[in-house]
């Protein structure tokens, strides 16, 4: 096993311990589209927030703009830079390596929900369908948690989109 593969594997385990578990239920993608212009606006909004710069870099590296543009509605759970820095530095670097693009896409897909979910609905949900067709758990109370990530604030809302700031990465257990 290559050193890079070992580091990536360890990173996935660490991120899984930090934040998540998954289930095998599937979601269906919406058939209408947000469109390229709206997707570019969303990406620009993320890019212009220095707290989301690592998520923006990851979106650019994974080239997920077309997947975002293909959705009718969308909820983004964006981990802060601090959340990304919970990963060991080598793991984060490996996720951003072109050779590991598939692993990066898998990671980011858990932060993209193919429907608009307002805060009240989020608090009433027990599971959400992620873009990668997996379910992620939701716990509500004084705070709302998506897997082990705490929803810290609503960052933006439009007719077709809601962006939430979260404090940890959402990762599948493999």
N, C-alpha and C. Protein backbone atom coordinates (compact mmCIF):
# COMPACT_ATOMS: atom_id res chain seq x y z
N UNK A 1 0.86 -1.17 0.00
CA UNK A 1 0.00 0.00 0.00
C UNK A 1 0.90 1.23 0.00
N UNK A 2 0.65 2.18 -0.90
CA UNK A 2 1.44 3.39 -0.98
C UNK A 2 1.24 4.24 0.27
N UNK A 3 2.27 5.03 0.61
CA UNK A 3 2.20 5.92 1.76
C UNK A 3 1.00 6.86 1.65
N UNK A 4 0.75 7.36 0.46
CA UNK A 4 -0.37 8.28 0.24
C UNK A 4 -1.69 7.58 0.53
N UNK A 5 -1.82 6.32 0.10
CA UNK A 5 -3.05 5.58 0.36
C UNK A 5 -3.25 5.34 1.86
N UNK A 6 -2.16 5.05 2.55
CA UNK A 6 -2.23 4.84 3.99
C UNK A 6 -2.67 6.13 4.69
N UNK A 7 -2.08 7.25 4.28
CA UNK A 7 -2.44 8.54 4.89
C UNK A 7 -3.90 8.86 4.61
N UNK A 8 -4.35 8.64 3.37
CA UNK A 8 -5.75 8.90 3.02
C UNK A 8 -6.67 8.00 3.84
N UNK A 9 -6.30 6.73 3.96
CA UNK A 9 -7.10 5.78 4.74
C UNK A 9 -7.20 6.22 6.19
N UNK A 10 -6.08 6.63 6.78
CA UNK A 10 -6.07 7.10 8.17
C UNK A 10 -6.94 8.34 8.29
N UNK A 11 -6.85 9.22 7.30
CA UNK A 11 -7.67 10.44 7.33
C UNK A 11 -9.14 10.14 7.30
N UNK A 12 -9.54 9.18 6.49
CA UNK A 12 -10.95 8.81 6.43
C UNK A 12 -11.41 8.26 7.77
N UNK A 13 -10.57 7.46 8.40
CA UNK A 13 -10.91 6.92 9.72
C UNK A 13 -11.02 8.05 10.73
N UNK A 14 -10.04 8.98 10.74
CA UNK A 14 -10.08 10.10 11.68
C UNK A 14 -11.32 10.95 11.45
N UNK A 15 -11.59 11.29 10.18
CA UNK A 15 -12.76 12.11 9.88
C UNK A 15 -14.05 11.38 10.26
N UNK A 16 -14.07 10.06 10.08
CA UNK A 16 -15.24 9.29 10.45
C UNK A 16 -15.46 9.32 11.96
N UNK A 17 -14.38 9.20 12.70
CA UNK A 17 -14.49 9.26 14.16
C UNK A 17 -14.96 10.64 14.58
N UNK A 18 -14.43 11.67 13.93
CA UNK A 18 -14.81 13.05 14.26
C UNK A 18 -16.28 13.26 14.01
N UNK A 19 -16.77 12.70 12.90
CA UNK A 19 -18.07 13.18 12.55
C UNK A 19 -19.17 12.30 12.05
N UNK A 20 -19.05 10.99 11.74
CA UNK A 20 -20.19 10.49 11.01
C UNK A 20 -20.44 8.99 11.02
N UNK A 21 -21.60 8.68 10.52
CA UNK A 21 -21.99 7.33 10.14
C UNK A 21 -22.98 7.49 9.01
N UNK A 22 -23.18 6.44 8.22
CA UNK A 22 -24.11 6.56 7.11
C UNK A 22 -25.04 5.36 7.07
N UNK A 23 -26.04 5.51 6.25
CA UNK A 23 -27.02 4.47 6.06
C UNK A 23 -27.13 4.18 4.58
N UNK A 24 -27.78 3.08 4.21
CA UNK A 24 -27.79 2.65 2.82
C UNK A 24 -29.02 3.07 2.03
N UNK A 25 -29.87 3.92 2.55
CA UNK A 25 -31.04 4.36 1.80
C UNK A 25 -30.65 5.31 0.69
N UNK A 26 -31.43 5.33 -0.39
CA UNK A 26 -31.09 6.14 -1.55
C UNK A 26 -32.01 7.34 -1.68
N UNK A 27 -31.49 8.40 -2.31
CA UNK A 27 -32.25 9.60 -2.60
C UNK A 27 -32.43 9.71 -4.11
N UNK A 28 -33.41 10.48 -4.53
CA UNK A 28 -33.57 10.73 -5.95
C UNK A 28 -33.18 12.16 -6.23
N UNK A 29 -32.51 12.38 -7.34
CA UNK A 29 -32.10 13.72 -7.73
C UNK A 29 -33.25 14.45 -8.39
N UNK A 30 -33.28 15.74 -8.22
CA UNK A 30 -34.31 16.57 -8.85
C UNK A 30 -34.06 16.63 -10.34
N UNK A 31 -35.14 16.85 -11.09
CA UNK A 31 -35.02 16.86 -12.54
C UNK A 31 -34.85 18.26 -13.12
N UNK A 32 -35.33 19.30 -12.46
CA UNK A 32 -35.11 20.66 -12.92
C UNK A 32 -33.74 21.12 -12.47
N UNK A 33 -33.28 22.24 -13.02
CA UNK A 33 -31.93 22.67 -12.71
C UNK A 33 -31.89 24.07 -12.13
N UNK A 34 -30.96 24.28 -11.20
CA UNK A 34 -30.68 25.62 -10.71
C UNK A 34 -30.08 26.42 -11.86
N UNK A 35 -29.20 25.82 -12.62
CA UNK A 35 -28.58 26.45 -13.77
C UNK A 35 -27.17 26.94 -13.49
N UNK A 36 -26.41 27.10 -14.57
CA UNK A 36 -25.02 27.49 -14.45
C UNK A 36 -24.84 28.86 -13.81
N UNK A 37 -25.69 29.81 -14.17
CA UNK A 37 -25.55 31.17 -13.63
C UNK A 37 -25.73 31.18 -12.11
N UNK A 38 -26.76 30.50 -11.63
CA UNK A 38 -27.01 30.43 -10.18
C UNK A 38 -25.89 29.64 -9.50
N UNK A 39 -25.43 28.57 -10.13
CA UNK A 39 -24.33 27.80 -9.55
C UNK A 39 -23.08 28.67 -9.43
N UNK A 40 -22.79 29.47 -10.45
CA UNK A 40 -21.64 30.38 -10.38
C UNK A 40 -21.82 31.41 -9.26
N UNK A 41 -23.04 31.91 -9.08
CA UNK A 41 -23.31 32.87 -8.02
C UNK A 41 -23.08 32.24 -6.64
N UNK A 42 -23.56 31.00 -6.49
CA UNK A 42 -23.40 30.28 -5.22
C UNK A 42 -21.91 30.07 -4.94
N UNK A 43 -21.18 29.60 -5.93
CA UNK A 43 -19.75 29.35 -5.77
C UNK A 43 -19.02 30.65 -5.44
N UNK A 44 -19.39 31.74 -6.11
CA UNK A 44 -18.77 33.04 -5.84
C UNK A 44 -19.04 33.48 -4.40
N UNK A 45 -20.26 33.27 -3.93
CA UNK A 45 -20.63 33.63 -2.56
C UNK A 45 -19.76 32.85 -1.56
N UNK A 46 -19.54 31.58 -1.83
CA UNK A 46 -18.69 30.75 -0.97
C UNK A 46 -17.24 31.24 -1.06
N UNK A 47 -16.79 31.51 -2.28
CA UNK A 47 -15.41 31.97 -2.50
C UNK A 47 -15.14 33.27 -1.74
N UNK A 48 -16.10 34.16 -1.69
CA UNK A 48 -15.90 35.47 -1.05
C UNK A 48 -15.96 35.43 0.47
N UNK A 49 -16.27 34.29 1.05
CA UNK A 49 -16.29 34.17 2.51
C UNK A 49 -14.98 33.50 2.96
N UNK A 50 -14.10 34.24 3.63
CA UNK A 50 -12.81 33.66 4.02
C UNK A 50 -12.94 32.47 4.98
N UNK A 51 -14.05 32.35 5.66
CA UNK A 51 -14.27 31.23 6.57
C UNK A 51 -14.52 29.92 5.81
N UNK A 52 -14.88 30.03 4.52
CA UNK A 52 -15.18 28.86 3.70
C UNK A 52 -14.12 28.61 2.62
N UNK A 53 -12.95 29.20 2.72
CA UNK A 53 -11.96 29.11 1.64
C UNK A 53 -11.51 27.68 1.35
N UNK A 54 -11.37 26.85 2.36
CA UNK A 54 -10.96 25.46 2.11
C UNK A 54 -12.08 24.66 1.44
N UNK A 55 -13.32 24.93 1.81
CA UNK A 55 -14.44 24.27 1.13
C UNK A 55 -14.49 24.71 -0.33
N UNK A 56 -14.29 25.99 -0.57
CA UNK A 56 -14.25 26.50 -1.94
C UNK A 56 -13.15 25.82 -2.75
N UNK A 57 -11.94 25.73 -2.18
CA UNK A 57 -10.83 25.06 -2.87
C UNK A 57 -11.20 23.61 -3.19
N UNK A 58 -11.84 22.95 -2.24
CA UNK A 58 -12.24 21.55 -2.45
C UNK A 58 -13.28 21.44 -3.56
N UNK A 59 -14.27 22.35 -3.58
CA UNK A 59 -15.28 22.35 -4.66
C UNK A 59 -14.62 22.55 -6.02
N UNK A 60 -13.67 23.47 -6.08
CA UNK A 60 -12.95 23.71 -7.34
C UNK A 60 -12.17 22.48 -7.76
N UNK A 61 -11.47 21.86 -6.82
CA UNK A 61 -10.66 20.67 -7.13
C UNK A 61 -11.55 19.51 -7.58
N UNK A 62 -12.70 19.35 -6.95
CA UNK A 62 -13.61 18.25 -7.29
C UNK A 62 -14.45 18.54 -8.52
N UNK A 63 -14.50 19.81 -8.93
CA UNK A 63 -15.27 20.24 -10.11
C UNK A 63 -16.73 19.78 -10.01
N UNK A 64 -17.38 20.18 -8.92
CA UNK A 64 -18.77 19.79 -8.68
C UNK A 64 -19.79 20.83 -9.13
N UNK A 65 -19.36 21.85 -9.84
CA UNK A 65 -20.28 22.91 -10.25
C UNK A 65 -21.42 22.38 -11.12
N UNK A 66 -21.14 21.45 -12.01
CA UNK A 66 -22.20 20.94 -12.89
C UNK A 66 -23.23 20.13 -12.10
N UNK A 67 -22.79 19.41 -11.07
CA UNK A 67 -23.73 18.67 -10.22
C UNK A 67 -24.62 19.63 -9.44
N UNK A 68 -24.03 20.71 -8.95
CA UNK A 68 -24.82 21.72 -8.24
C UNK A 68 -25.81 22.38 -9.19
N UNK A 69 -25.35 22.72 -10.39
CA UNK A 69 -26.22 23.38 -11.37
C UNK A 69 -27.36 22.47 -11.82
N UNK A 70 -27.19 21.16 -11.74
CA UNK A 70 -28.21 20.21 -12.20
C UNK A 70 -29.33 20.00 -11.19
N UNK A 71 -29.21 20.55 -10.00
CA UNK A 71 -30.22 20.37 -8.97
C UNK A 71 -31.30 21.43 -9.07
N UNK A 72 -32.52 21.05 -8.72
CA UNK A 72 -33.64 22.00 -8.68
C UNK A 72 -33.53 22.89 -7.45
N UNK A 73 -33.27 22.27 -6.32
CA UNK A 73 -33.09 22.96 -5.06
C UNK A 73 -31.88 22.35 -4.38
N UNK A 74 -31.36 23.06 -3.36
CA UNK A 74 -30.14 22.58 -2.78
C UNK A 74 -29.94 23.16 -1.39
N UNK A 75 -29.39 22.33 -0.52
CA UNK A 75 -28.94 22.77 0.79
C UNK A 75 -27.48 22.39 0.89
N UNK A 76 -26.65 23.35 1.26
CA UNK A 76 -25.23 23.10 1.45
C UNK A 76 -24.92 23.14 2.94
N UNK A 77 -24.22 22.15 3.42
CA UNK A 77 -23.70 22.12 4.79
C UNK A 77 -22.21 22.37 4.65
N UNK A 78 -21.80 23.62 4.85
CA UNK A 78 -20.41 23.98 4.58
C UNK A 78 -19.59 23.98 5.87
N UNK A 79 -18.60 23.09 5.93
CA UNK A 79 -17.69 23.11 7.09
C UNK A 79 -16.76 24.32 7.01
N UNK A 80 -16.50 24.91 8.15
CA UNK A 80 -15.58 26.05 8.21
C UNK A 80 -14.15 25.57 7.98
N UNK A 81 -13.26 26.52 7.76
CA UNK A 81 -11.84 26.18 7.63
C UNK A 81 -11.35 25.46 8.88
N UNK A 82 -11.83 25.87 10.04
CA UNK A 82 -11.46 25.22 11.30
C UNK A 82 -11.84 23.73 11.27
N UNK A 83 -12.99 23.43 10.70
CA UNK A 83 -13.42 22.03 10.59
C UNK A 83 -12.46 21.22 9.71
N UNK A 84 -12.05 21.81 8.59
CA UNK A 84 -11.09 21.13 7.72
C UNK A 84 -9.76 20.92 8.43
N UNK A 85 -9.39 21.86 9.26
CA UNK A 85 -8.10 21.76 9.96
C UNK A 85 -8.12 20.72 11.08
N UNK A 86 -9.27 20.17 11.40
CA UNK A 86 -9.32 19.06 12.35
C UNK A 86 -8.70 17.81 11.75
N UNK A 87 -8.66 17.76 10.41
CA UNK A 87 -8.00 16.64 9.74
C UNK A 87 -6.49 16.81 9.85
N UNK A 88 -5.75 15.71 9.96
CA UNK A 88 -4.30 15.85 9.89
C UNK A 88 -3.90 16.50 8.57
N UNK A 89 -2.85 17.33 8.60
CA UNK A 89 -2.44 18.11 7.44
C UNK A 89 -2.20 17.22 6.21
N UNK A 90 -1.53 16.07 6.40
CA UNK A 90 -1.27 15.16 5.28
C UNK A 90 -2.56 14.65 4.65
N UNK A 91 -3.56 14.41 5.48
CA UNK A 91 -4.84 13.89 4.98
C UNK A 91 -5.53 14.95 4.13
N UNK A 92 -5.57 16.19 4.62
CA UNK A 92 -6.17 17.27 3.86
C UNK A 92 -5.45 17.46 2.52
N UNK A 93 -4.12 17.44 2.55
CA UNK A 93 -3.34 17.57 1.31
C UNK A 93 -3.65 16.43 0.35
N UNK A 94 -3.80 15.21 0.87
CA UNK A 94 -4.10 14.07 0.01
C UNK A 94 -5.50 14.16 -0.59
N UNK A 95 -6.46 14.66 0.18
CA UNK A 95 -7.80 14.86 -0.38
C UNK A 95 -7.75 15.82 -1.56
N UNK A 96 -6.88 16.83 -1.46
CA UNK A 96 -6.81 17.86 -2.49
C UNK A 96 -5.93 17.43 -3.68
N UNK A 97 -5.27 16.29 -3.58
CA UNK A 97 -4.43 15.79 -4.67
C UNK A 97 -5.31 15.28 -5.81
N UNK A 98 -4.94 15.60 -7.03
CA UNK A 98 -5.71 15.19 -8.21
C UNK A 98 -5.94 13.68 -8.25
N UNK A 99 -4.97 12.90 -7.79
CA UNK A 99 -5.10 11.44 -7.79
C UNK A 99 -6.20 10.95 -6.86
N UNK A 100 -6.60 11.77 -5.91
CA UNK A 100 -7.62 11.38 -4.94
C UNK A 100 -8.93 12.13 -5.14
N UNK A 101 -9.18 12.54 -6.36
CA UNK A 101 -10.38 13.33 -6.67
C UNK A 101 -11.66 12.58 -6.30
N UNK A 102 -11.70 11.28 -6.53
CA UNK A 102 -12.90 10.50 -6.20
C UNK A 102 -13.21 10.54 -4.70
N UNK A 103 -12.17 10.44 -3.88
CA UNK A 103 -12.37 10.51 -2.42
C UNK A 103 -12.85 11.89 -2.01
N UNK A 104 -12.31 12.92 -2.65
CA UNK A 104 -12.74 14.29 -2.36
C UNK A 104 -14.21 14.50 -2.75
N UNK A 105 -14.58 14.00 -3.91
CA UNK A 105 -15.98 14.10 -4.35
C UNK A 105 -16.90 13.38 -3.37
N UNK A 106 -16.50 12.20 -2.93
CA UNK A 106 -17.30 11.46 -1.96
C UNK A 106 -17.47 12.28 -0.67
N UNK A 107 -16.40 12.89 -0.20
CA UNK A 107 -16.46 13.72 1.00
C UNK A 107 -17.41 14.90 0.80
N UNK A 108 -17.28 15.60 -0.30
CA UNK A 108 -18.10 16.79 -0.54
C UNK A 108 -19.57 16.45 -0.78
N UNK A 109 -19.83 15.30 -1.38
CA UNK A 109 -21.22 14.91 -1.64
C UNK A 109 -22.05 14.82 -0.37
N UNK A 110 -21.43 14.53 0.76
CA UNK A 110 -22.15 14.46 2.02
C UNK A 110 -22.55 15.84 2.54
N UNK A 111 -22.02 16.89 1.91
CA UNK A 111 -22.32 18.26 2.33
C UNK A 111 -23.31 18.94 1.39
N UNK A 112 -23.76 18.21 0.37
CA UNK A 112 -24.69 18.74 -0.63
C UNK A 112 -25.97 17.93 -0.55
N UNK A 113 -27.07 18.59 -0.23
CA UNK A 113 -28.36 17.92 -0.13
C UNK A 113 -29.21 18.39 -1.31
N UNK A 114 -29.77 17.47 -2.08
CA UNK A 114 -30.49 17.85 -3.31
C UNK A 114 -31.92 18.33 -3.07
N UNK A 115 -32.12 19.08 -2.00
CA UNK A 115 -33.40 19.72 -1.72
C UNK A 115 -33.14 20.89 -0.79
N UNK A 116 -34.06 21.84 -0.79
CA UNK A 116 -33.94 22.97 0.11
C UNK A 116 -34.61 22.59 1.43
N UNK A 117 -33.85 22.68 2.52
CA UNK A 117 -34.35 22.28 3.83
C UNK A 117 -34.21 23.48 4.76
N UNK A 118 -35.35 24.09 5.12
CA UNK A 118 -35.26 25.24 6.03
C UNK A 118 -34.95 24.75 7.44
N UNK A 119 -34.62 25.70 8.30
CA UNK A 119 -34.14 25.36 9.64
C UNK A 119 -35.18 24.57 10.44
N UNK A 120 -36.44 24.94 10.32
CA UNK A 120 -37.49 24.22 11.05
C UNK A 120 -37.58 22.77 10.57
N UNK A 121 -37.56 22.57 9.26
CA UNK A 121 -37.59 21.20 8.72
C UNK A 121 -36.36 20.42 9.14
N UNK A 122 -35.23 21.09 9.18
CA UNK A 122 -33.98 20.45 9.59
C UNK A 122 -34.12 19.93 11.01
N UNK A 123 -34.69 20.74 11.89
CA UNK A 123 -34.87 20.35 13.29
C UNK A 123 -35.88 19.23 13.47
N UNK A 124 -36.82 19.09 12.53
CA UNK A 124 -37.84 18.05 12.62
C UNK A 124 -37.42 16.75 11.94
N UNK A 125 -36.31 16.76 11.21
CA UNK A 125 -35.86 15.59 10.47
C UNK A 125 -35.03 14.67 11.36
N UNK A 126 -35.08 13.39 11.05
CA UNK A 126 -34.18 12.45 11.72
C UNK A 126 -33.09 11.98 10.77
N UNK A 127 -33.35 12.07 9.46
CA UNK A 127 -32.34 11.76 8.45
C UNK A 127 -32.52 12.71 7.27
N UNK A 128 -31.44 12.90 6.53
CA UNK A 128 -31.44 13.70 5.32
C UNK A 128 -30.79 12.90 4.21
N UNK A 129 -31.22 13.15 2.98
CA UNK A 129 -30.61 12.49 1.84
C UNK A 129 -29.51 13.36 1.26
N UNK A 130 -28.30 12.83 1.22
CA UNK A 130 -27.16 13.55 0.65
C UNK A 130 -27.10 13.31 -0.85
N UNK A 131 -26.30 14.11 -1.53
CA UNK A 131 -26.15 14.00 -2.97
C UNK A 131 -25.64 12.63 -3.39
N UNK A 132 -24.86 12.01 -2.56
CA UNK A 132 -24.29 10.70 -2.89
C UNK A 132 -25.25 9.55 -2.64
N UNK A 133 -26.53 9.88 -2.44
CA UNK A 133 -27.60 8.90 -2.24
C UNK A 133 -27.51 8.15 -0.93
N UNK A 134 -26.81 8.71 0.03
CA UNK A 134 -26.74 8.13 1.36
C UNK A 134 -27.55 9.00 2.30
N UNK A 135 -27.98 8.41 3.41
CA UNK A 135 -28.69 9.18 4.41
C UNK A 135 -27.72 9.59 5.51
N UNK A 136 -27.91 10.79 6.01
CA UNK A 136 -27.14 11.27 7.14
C UNK A 136 -28.12 11.59 8.26
N UNK A 137 -27.70 11.31 9.48
CA UNK A 137 -28.61 11.47 10.61
C UNK A 137 -28.64 12.91 11.11
N UNK A 138 -29.78 13.28 11.67
CA UNK A 138 -29.98 14.61 12.25
C UNK A 138 -30.46 14.42 13.67
N UNK A 139 -29.86 15.18 14.59
CA UNK A 139 -30.28 15.19 15.99
C UNK A 139 -30.62 16.63 16.33
N UNK A 140 -31.77 16.83 16.95
CA UNK A 140 -32.14 18.19 17.31
C UNK A 140 -32.41 18.29 18.80
N UNK A 141 -32.30 19.46 19.29
CA UNK A 141 -32.49 19.80 20.70
C UNK A 141 -32.13 21.25 20.81
N UNK A 142 -31.29 21.59 21.79
CA UNK A 142 -30.82 22.97 21.92
C UNK A 142 -30.01 23.37 20.70
N UNK A 143 -29.34 22.38 20.10
CA UNK A 143 -28.59 22.59 18.86
C UNK A 143 -29.04 21.52 17.87
N UNK A 144 -28.79 21.77 16.60
CA UNK A 144 -29.07 20.76 15.57
C UNK A 144 -27.74 20.20 15.10
N UNK A 145 -27.65 18.87 15.08
CA UNK A 145 -26.45 18.21 14.60
C UNK A 145 -26.79 17.38 13.37
N UNK A 146 -25.94 17.47 12.37
CA UNK A 146 -26.02 16.61 11.19
C UNK A 146 -24.83 15.68 11.32
N UNK A 147 -25.12 14.39 11.59
CA UNK A 147 -24.12 13.45 12.06
C UNK A 147 -23.53 14.09 13.33
N UNK A 148 -22.22 14.25 13.42
CA UNK A 148 -21.65 14.89 14.60
C UNK A 148 -21.30 16.35 14.37
N UNK A 149 -21.69 16.90 13.23
CA UNK A 149 -21.41 18.30 12.91
C UNK A 149 -22.54 19.18 13.44
N UNK A 150 -22.17 20.20 14.17
CA UNK A 150 -23.16 21.13 14.71
C UNK A 150 -23.47 22.21 13.68
N UNK A 151 -24.77 22.43 13.45
CA UNK A 151 -25.18 23.52 12.58
C UNK A 151 -25.01 24.80 13.39
N UNK A 152 -24.08 25.64 12.96
CA UNK A 152 -23.76 26.85 13.72
C UNK A 152 -24.61 28.04 13.32
N UNK A 153 -24.91 28.16 12.04
CA UNK A 153 -25.69 29.32 11.58
C UNK A 153 -26.17 29.09 10.16
N UNK A 154 -27.23 29.80 9.81
CA UNK A 154 -27.66 29.84 8.42
C UNK A 154 -26.86 30.95 7.77
N UNK A 155 -26.16 30.65 6.69
CA UNK A 155 -25.30 31.63 6.05
C UNK A 155 -26.04 32.42 4.98
N UNK A 156 -26.87 31.72 4.20
CA UNK A 156 -27.62 32.39 3.13
C UNK A 156 -28.85 31.57 2.80
N UNK A 157 -29.87 32.26 2.30
CA UNK A 157 -31.08 31.58 1.82
C UNK A 157 -31.62 32.34 0.62
N UNK A 158 -31.99 31.57 -0.42
CA UNK A 158 -32.68 32.11 -1.59
C UNK A 158 -33.90 31.23 -1.84
N UNK A 159 -34.59 31.44 -2.95
CA UNK A 159 -35.75 30.61 -3.28
C UNK A 159 -35.38 29.13 -3.46
N UNK A 160 -34.17 28.87 -3.95
CA UNK A 160 -33.78 27.50 -4.30
C UNK A 160 -32.65 26.94 -3.44
N UNK A 161 -32.15 27.71 -2.49
CA UNK A 161 -30.92 27.34 -1.82
C UNK A 161 -30.91 27.80 -0.37
N UNK A 162 -30.32 26.95 0.49
CA UNK A 162 -29.97 27.35 1.85
C UNK A 162 -28.55 26.86 2.10
N UNK A 163 -27.75 27.73 2.70
CA UNK A 163 -26.39 27.36 3.08
C UNK A 163 -26.30 27.45 4.60
N UNK A 164 -25.85 26.35 5.22
CA UNK A 164 -25.61 26.32 6.66
C UNK A 164 -24.12 26.19 6.92
N UNK A 165 -23.65 26.85 7.95
CA UNK A 165 -22.26 26.73 8.40
C UNK A 165 -22.23 25.63 9.46
N UNK A 166 -21.30 24.68 9.31
CA UNK A 166 -21.16 23.59 10.28
C UNK A 166 -19.73 23.55 10.82
N UNK A 167 -19.57 22.92 11.98
CA UNK A 167 -18.27 22.94 12.66
C UNK A 167 -17.40 21.72 12.43
N UNK A 168 -17.87 20.73 11.68
CA UNK A 168 -17.09 19.52 11.39
C UNK A 168 -17.44 19.03 10.00
N UNK A 169 -16.57 18.19 9.46
CA UNK A 169 -16.85 17.57 8.18
C UNK A 169 -17.80 16.40 8.37
N UNK A 170 -18.67 16.19 7.41
CA UNK A 170 -19.56 15.03 7.41
C UNK A 170 -18.88 13.97 6.55
N UNK A 171 -18.59 12.82 7.13
CA UNK A 171 -17.88 11.76 6.41
C UNK A 171 -18.59 10.42 6.59
N UNK A 172 -18.58 9.61 5.55
CA UNK A 172 -19.16 8.27 5.67
C UNK A 172 -18.21 7.32 6.39
N UNK A 173 -18.76 6.35 7.08
CA UNK A 173 -17.96 5.24 7.59
C UNK A 173 -17.97 4.17 6.50
N UNK A 174 -16.82 3.71 6.12
CA UNK A 174 -16.74 2.66 5.08
C UNK A 174 -16.42 1.34 5.69
